[in-house]
């Protein structure tokens, strides 16, 4: 039971962290941290929106950079690996691209949610 509870707590924390990189999640987290008055909330809403967008764009750039780095790694390793190992790397890269694209679509409101992927 303890193992299952620990897993659920960890999963909840990871989900919360991932939501921080969405516009709505960023806004919600900052509102929870600073607890503005209604008057303050009206004034800071444009600031939060601007920084939420910048935060999301930064994460998109980060993910795209990770894909490029992984491709470089594969290229450098290719001469030392057999076809099976190359295929495993390709599958991993494809999975990362697919997961990133789903996350990107979800942030824009176009995705089907965490459990609703097309598999």
Protein backbone atom coordinates (compact mmCIF):
# COMPACT_ATOMS: atom_id res chain seq x y z
CA UNK A 1 0.00 0.00 0.00
CA UNK A 2 2.85 2.36 0.89
CA UNK A 3 4.43 1.73 -2.50
CA UNK A 4 1.21 2.63 -4.31
CA UNK A 5 0.69 5.78 -2.23
CA UNK A 6 4.28 6.87 -2.84
CA UNK A 7 3.84 6.30 -6.57
CA UNK A 8 0.64 8.33 -6.64
CA UNK A 9 2.25 11.21 -4.74
CA UNK A 10 5.18 11.20 -7.15
CA UNK A 11 2.85 11.10 -10.14
CA UNK A 12 0.85 14.04 -8.77
CA UNK A 13 4.03 16.08 -8.26
CA UNK A 14 5.25 15.33 -11.77
CA UNK A 15 1.87 16.28 -13.26
CA UNK A 16 1.89 19.53 -11.28
CA UNK A 17 5.41 20.31 -12.49
CA UNK A 18 4.46 19.58 -16.11
CA UNK A 19 1.40 21.81 -15.86
CA UNK A 20 3.68 24.68 -14.82
CA UNK A 21 4.87 24.80 -18.43
CA UNK A 22 1.38 25.46 -19.80
CA UNK A 23 -0.05 28.97 -19.89
CA UNK A 24 -2.93 28.09 -17.58
CA UNK A 25 -0.74 26.04 -15.22
CA UNK A 26 1.80 28.84 -14.94
CA UNK A 27 -0.94 31.34 -14.13
CA UNK A 28 -2.54 29.00 -11.58
CA UNK A 29 0.76 28.29 -9.83
CA UNK A 30 1.71 31.96 -9.56
CA UNK A 31 -1.76 32.89 -8.31
CA UNK A 32 -1.46 30.17 -5.63
CA UNK A 33 1.95 31.46 -4.60
CA UNK A 34 1.24 35.19 -4.39
CA UNK A 35 -2.50 35.05 -3.57
CA UNK A 36 -3.34 38.47 -5.03
CA UNK A 37 -6.38 40.49 -4.08
CA UNK A 38 -9.05 40.84 -6.79
CA UNK A 39 -7.76 44.32 -7.58
CA UNK A 40 -4.17 43.08 -7.85
CA UNK A 41 -5.27 40.14 -9.97
CA UNK A 42 -6.79 42.45 -12.58
CA UNK A 43 -3.57 44.48 -12.75
CA UNK A 44 -1.15 41.56 -12.86
CA UNK A 45 -3.13 39.36 -15.29
CA UNK A 46 -1.40 40.81 -18.42
CA UNK A 47 2.02 40.40 -16.78
CA UNK A 48 1.31 36.77 -15.88
CA UNK A 49 0.00 36.07 -19.37
CA UNK A 50 3.14 37.54 -20.96
CA UNK A 51 5.47 35.52 -18.76
CA UNK A 52 3.42 32.34 -19.12
CA UNK A 53 3.83 32.62 -22.89
CA UNK A 54 7.57 33.25 -22.57
CA UNK A 55 7.90 30.30 -20.19
CA UNK A 56 6.05 27.97 -22.58
CA UNK A 57 8.10 29.13 -25.57
CA UNK A 58 11.31 28.59 -23.61
CA UNK A 59 10.25 25.01 -22.86
CA UNK A 60 9.35 24.39 -26.50
CA UNK A 61 12.81 25.60 -27.51
CA UNK A 62 14.32 23.35 -24.85
CA UNK A 63 12.46 20.29 -26.14
CA UNK A 64 13.41 21.03 -29.72
CA UNK A 65 17.04 21.42 -28.63
CA UNK A 66 16.85 18.05 -26.89
CA UNK A 67 15.68 16.39 -30.11
CA UNK A 68 18.55 17.98 -32.04
CA UNK A 69 21.04 16.87 -29.38
CA UNK A 70 19.68 13.33 -29.51
CA UNK A 71 20.06 13.27 -33.31
CA UNK A 72 23.67 14.40 -32.95
CA UNK A 73 24.28 11.68 -30.39
CA UNK A 74 22.79 9.05 -32.69
CA UNK A 75 24.92 10.25 -35.57
CA UNK A 76 28.11 10.02 -33.50
CA UNK A 77 27.22 6.58 -32.15
CA UNK A 78 26.04 5.14 -35.48
CA UNK A 79 29.38 3.75 -36.58
CA UNK A 80 29.68 1.74 -33.36
CA UNK A 81 26.13 0.35 -33.16
CA UNK A 82 24.38 -2.47 -34.97
CA UNK A 83 21.06 -2.10 -36.80
CA UNK A 84 19.02 -3.26 -33.80
CA UNK A 85 20.60 -0.65 -31.55
CA UNK A 86 20.08 2.09 -34.16
CA UNK A 87 16.43 1.05 -34.47
CA UNK A 88 16.05 1.26 -30.69
CA UNK A 89 17.46 4.80 -30.73
CA UNK A 90 15.15 5.72 -33.60
CA UNK A 91 12.11 4.40 -31.70
CA UNK A 92 13.13 6.35 -28.62
CA UNK A 93 13.52 9.53 -30.66
CA UNK A 94 10.18 8.97 -32.39
CA UNK A 95 8.51 8.43 -29.00
CA UNK A 96 10.04 11.65 -27.66
CA UNK A 97 8.92 13.59 -30.76
CA UNK A 98 5.41 12.15 -30.48
CA UNK A 99 5.17 12.89 -26.75
CA UNK A 100 6.50 16.43 -27.25
CA UNK A 101 4.02 17.06 -30.07
CA UNK A 102 1.15 15.82 -27.89
CA UNK A 103 2.27 18.08 -25.06
CA UNK A 104 2.54 21.01 -27.44
CA UNK A 105 -0.96 20.34 -28.80
CA UNK A 106 -2.36 19.99 -25.28
CA UNK A 107 -0.89 23.36 -24.31
CA UNK A 108 -2.67 24.92 -27.27
CA UNK A 109 -5.96 23.20 -26.41
CA UNK A 110 -5.81 20.89 -29.45
CA UNK A 111 -4.78 17.67 -27.73
CA UNK A 112 -6.93 14.92 -26.39
CA UNK A 113 -5.47 14.98 -22.91
CA UNK A 114 -3.16 12.71 -21.02
CA UNK A 115 -5.04 9.47 -21.53
CA UNK A 116 -6.50 10.23 -24.95
CA UNK A 117 -3.54 9.78 -27.25
CA UNK A 118 -4.10 8.09 -30.59
CA UNK A 119 -2.59 4.73 -29.73
